[in-house]
């Protein structure tokens, strides 16, 4: 296995862990300690690793030359009935994951810009940091797709009028998995332009 794909998978694993921990910490801020009780507010990858989402899917994307890498960890649990101000808490918990990935991408984007501006020419280090930005942007964009169980669906559900929530839940429960599989299979045609546009905007690399 090439060294670059090992780096990408390691970056992906820790990026999805940060994503999930962000959900748990946000829930904790609103009064729910479920993730804390289950030992999920930790950077220990063993607590979060999902073989399909953290290893098998990234390898599949690499072998099929998708040009980006996405995946997931085990979802961090929370109990909505423990939340204060649930109508506000639930969409904020959902958006916390993608927001954390965009935050990480932005930090490393500033580092890349600073390295380029200062004339630092270590292409290998810039490449690794570019992987961090690209993977975190990919995770953020992918998870904002409004299809269950992705975070975007929870955000959309919170914004829908009451009479539309039942229909959305029924349709997504019935077809959600098929839609996600289709999105993963045909991802380059749908969201790759968004991912790479954000990557260029954050890093300044064209």
Protein backbone atom coordinates (compact mmCIF):
# COMPACT_ATOMS: atom_id res chain seq x y z
CA UNK A 1 0.00 0.00 0.00
CA UNK A 2 1.37 3.42 -0.91
CA UNK A 3 2.42 5.75 1.88
CA UNK A 4 0.03 8.50 0.81
CA UNK A 5 -3.06 6.32 1.23
CA UNK A 6 -1.90 5.30 4.72
CA UNK A 7 -1.61 8.98 5.63
CA UNK A 8 -5.04 9.67 4.15
CA UNK A 9 -6.72 6.86 6.08
CA UNK A 10 -5.06 7.95 9.34
CA UNK A 11 -6.13 11.55 8.73
CA UNK A 12 -9.65 10.36 7.90
CA UNK A 13 -9.91 8.27 11.09
CA UNK A 14 -8.95 11.16 13.35
CA UNK A 15 -11.12 13.58 11.36
CA UNK A 16 -14.24 11.45 11.79
CA UNK A 17 -13.39 11.03 15.48
CA UNK A 18 -13.25 14.82 15.90
CA UNK A 19 -16.55 14.99 13.99
CA UNK A 20 -18.27 12.56 16.35
CA UNK A 21 -16.76 14.00 19.53
CA UNK A 22 -18.10 17.40 18.49
CA UNK A 23 -21.62 15.96 18.45
CA UNK A 24 -21.09 14.52 21.93
CA UNK A 25 -19.64 17.70 23.43
CA UNK A 26 -22.46 19.80 22.00
CA UNK A 27 -25.01 17.41 23.52
CA UNK A 28 -23.13 17.67 26.82
CA UNK A 29 -23.38 21.47 26.66
CA UNK A 30 -27.16 21.07 26.44
CA UNK A 31 -27.30 18.73 29.43
CA UNK A 32 -27.04 15.21 27.99
CA UNK A 33 -24.17 13.11 29.40
CA UNK A 34 -24.83 9.92 27.39
CA UNK A 35 -21.64 10.17 25.32
CA UNK A 36 -19.61 10.94 28.45
CA UNK A 37 -21.04 7.96 30.33
CA UNK A 38 -20.25 5.65 27.39
CA UNK A 39 -16.64 6.85 27.16
CA UNK A 40 -17.08 8.39 23.70
CA UNK A 41 -15.64 11.82 24.44
CA UNK A 42 -12.13 10.56 23.78
CA UNK A 43 -9.61 10.63 20.93
CA UNK A 44 -8.96 6.91 21.43
CA UNK A 45 -9.74 5.48 17.94
CA UNK A 46 -10.70 2.07 19.37
CA UNK A 47 -13.78 3.67 20.94
CA UNK A 48 -14.93 5.10 17.60
CA UNK A 49 -13.66 2.87 14.78
CA UNK A 50 -16.19 1.53 12.29
CA UNK A 51 -14.55 -0.94 9.91
CA UNK A 52 -16.90 -0.23 7.02
CA UNK A 53 -16.88 3.55 7.28
CA UNK A 54 -13.36 4.09 8.62
CA UNK A 55 -11.38 1.54 6.59
CA UNK A 56 -13.27 -0.37 3.86
CA UNK A 57 -15.01 2.61 2.20
CA UNK A 58 -11.84 4.78 2.16
CA UNK A 59 -9.88 1.91 0.59
CA UNK A 60 -12.62 1.44 -2.00
CA UNK A 61 -12.53 5.15 -2.88
CA UNK A 62 -8.75 5.02 -3.17
CA UNK A 63 -8.74 1.92 -5.38
CA UNK A 64 -11.42 3.40 -7.65
CA UNK A 65 -9.43 6.67 -7.97
CA UNK A 66 -12.30 8.78 -6.66
CA UNK A 67 -9.92 11.66 -5.97
CA UNK A 68 -11.17 12.27 -2.42
CA UNK A 69 -11.83 10.27 0.73
CA UNK A 70 -14.88 10.13 2.99
CA UNK A 71 -16.02 7.81 5.74
CA UNK A 72 -17.56 7.70 9.19
CA UNK A 73 -17.00 6.50 12.74
CA UNK A 74 -19.52 4.95 15.11
CA UNK A 75 -22.10 7.64 15.85
CA UNK A 76 -21.72 9.22 19.28
CA UNK A 77 -25.01 8.58 21.12
CA UNK A 78 -27.15 11.17 22.82
CA UNK A 79 -30.56 11.10 24.49
CA UNK A 80 -32.79 13.87 23.11
CA UNK A 81 -35.01 13.68 26.20
CA UNK A 82 -32.10 14.87 28.36
CA UNK A 83 -31.53 17.99 26.29
CA UNK A 84 -32.35 21.50 27.42
CA UNK A 85 -34.19 23.50 24.75
CA UNK A 86 -34.42 20.47 22.48
CA UNK A 87 -35.66 22.35 19.41
CA UNK A 88 -32.46 24.39 19.41
CA UNK A 89 -30.12 21.68 20.70
CA UNK A 90 -30.82 18.98 18.11
CA UNK A 91 -29.94 20.99 14.96
CA UNK A 92 -26.87 22.43 16.74
CA UNK A 93 -25.73 18.92 17.70
CA UNK A 94 -26.15 17.86 14.08
CA UNK A 95 -24.25 20.80 12.62
CA UNK A 96 -21.43 20.52 15.18
CA UNK A 97 -19.82 17.61 13.30
CA UNK A 98 -19.52 19.27 9.87
CA UNK A 99 -18.61 22.56 11.56
CA UNK A 100 -15.71 20.89 13.38
CA UNK A 101 -14.41 19.49 10.08
CA UNK A 102 -14.61 22.90 8.41
CA UNK A 103 -12.81 24.42 11.40
CA UNK A 104 -9.96 21.88 11.12
CA UNK A 105 -9.78 22.45 7.35
CA UNK A 106 -9.62 26.21 7.84
CA UNK A 107 -6.82 25.98 10.44
CA UNK A 108 -4.69 23.82 8.16
CA UNK A 109 -5.58 26.02 5.19
CA UNK A 110 -4.13 29.03 7.04
CA UNK A 111 -1.00 26.99 7.81
CA UNK A 112 -0.60 26.09 4.12
CA UNK A 113 -1.09 29.71 3.07
CA UNK A 114 1.45 30.81 5.66
CA UNK A 115 3.99 28.24 4.47
CA UNK A 116 3.57 29.26 0.83
CA UNK A 117 3.70 32.97 1.68
CA UNK A 118 6.89 32.54 3.70
CA UNK A 119 8.53 30.58 0.89
CA UNK A 120 8.60 27.28 2.77
CA UNK A 121 9.06 24.70 0.05
CA UNK A 122 8.54 21.33 1.77
CA UNK A 123 6.19 19.80 -0.78
CA UNK A 124 5.71 16.65 1.33
CA UNK A 125 4.51 18.62 4.36
CA UNK A 126 2.22 20.81 2.27
CA UNK A 127 0.85 17.61 0.66
CA UNK A 128 0.03 16.09 4.06
CA UNK A 129 -1.65 19.31 5.24
CA UNK A 130 -3.55 19.42 1.92
CA UNK A 131 -4.86 15.92 2.66
CA UNK A 132 -6.11 17.21 6.02
CA UNK A 133 -7.99 20.06 4.34
CA UNK A 134 -9.42 17.96 1.51
CA UNK A 135 -10.58 15.13 3.77
CA UNK A 136 -12.21 17.46 6.30
CA UNK A 137 -13.94 19.47 3.59
CA UNK A 138 -15.17 16.22 2.02
CA UNK A 139 -16.55 15.03 5.37
CA UNK A 140 -18.32 18.33 5.99
CA UNK A 141 -19.93 18.47 2.55
CA UNK A 142 -20.89 14.79 2.55
CA UNK A 143 -22.46 14.94 6.02
CA UNK A 144 -24.51 18.02 5.13
CA UNK A 145 -26.41 16.06 2.47
CA UNK A 146 -30.00 15.95 3.84
CA UNK A 147 -30.37 12.16 3.77
CA UNK A 148 -30.67 10.05 6.96
CA UNK A 149 -28.62 9.20 8.88
CA UNK A 150 -26.37 12.05 7.71
CA UNK A 151 -26.27 15.26 9.74
CA UNK A 152 -27.93 17.28 7.00
CA UNK A 153 -31.14 15.32 7.44
CA UNK A 154 -31.33 16.24 11.13
CA UNK A 155 -30.79 19.91 10.31
CA UNK A 156 -33.46 19.81 7.60
CA UNK A 157 -35.88 17.89 9.85
CA UNK A 158 -35.59 20.57 12.54
CA UNK A 159 -36.40 23.30 10.01
CA UNK A 160 -39.39 21.56 8.38
CA UNK A 161 -42.96 22.51 9.34
CA UNK A 162 -44.67 19.96 11.56
CA UNK A 163 -46.97 18.64 8.80
CA UNK A 164 -43.99 17.84 6.56
CA UNK A 165 -41.88 16.05 9.16
CA UNK A 166 -43.85 12.80 9.03
CA UNK A 167 -43.59 12.59 5.22
CA UNK A 168 -39.87 13.36 5.31
CA UNK A 169 -39.28 10.71 7.99
CA UNK A 170 -41.31 8.08 6.07
CA UNK A 171 -39.59 8.68 2.72
CA UNK A 172 -36.10 8.90 4.18
CA UNK A 173 -36.59 5.79 6.31
CA UNK A 174 -37.73 3.84 3.24
CA UNK A 175 -35.24 5.09 0.66
CA UNK A 176 -32.46 6.76 2.67
CA UNK A 177 -29.95 3.90 2.45
CA UNK A 178 -30.46 3.50 -1.31
CA UNK A 179 -29.98 7.23 -1.85
CA UNK A 180 -26.77 7.24 0.21
CA UNK A 181 -25.38 4.30 -1.78
CA UNK A 182 -26.23 6.11 -5.01
CA UNK A 183 -24.57 9.29 -3.74
CA UNK A 184 -21.40 7.38 -2.79
CA UNK A 185 -21.31 5.62 -6.18
CA UNK A 186 -21.87 8.78 -8.20
CA UNK A 187 -20.33 11.27 -5.76
CA UNK A 188 -17.85 12.79 -8.22
CA UNK A 189 -20.69 14.00 -10.45
CA UNK A 190 -22.67 15.58 -7.62
CA UNK A 191 -20.48 17.12 -4.96
CA UNK A 192 -16.87 16.93 -6.12
CA UNK A 193 -17.10 20.45 -7.63
CA UNK A 194 -18.25 21.77 -4.24
CA UNK A 195 -15.48 19.93 -2.39
CA UNK A 196 -12.69 21.12 -4.67
CA UNK A 197 -14.02 24.69 -4.82
CA UNK A 198 -13.95 24.87 -1.02
CA UNK A 199 -10.48 23.29 -0.99
CA UNK A 200 -9.19 25.98 -3.36
CA UNK A 201 -10.88 28.74 -1.38
CA UNK A 202 -9.38 27.55 1.93
CA UNK A 203 -5.86 26.73 0.76
CA UNK A 204 -5.37 29.04 -2.21
CA UNK A 205 -4.01 26.03 -4.11
CA UNK A 206 -5.32 25.75 -7.69
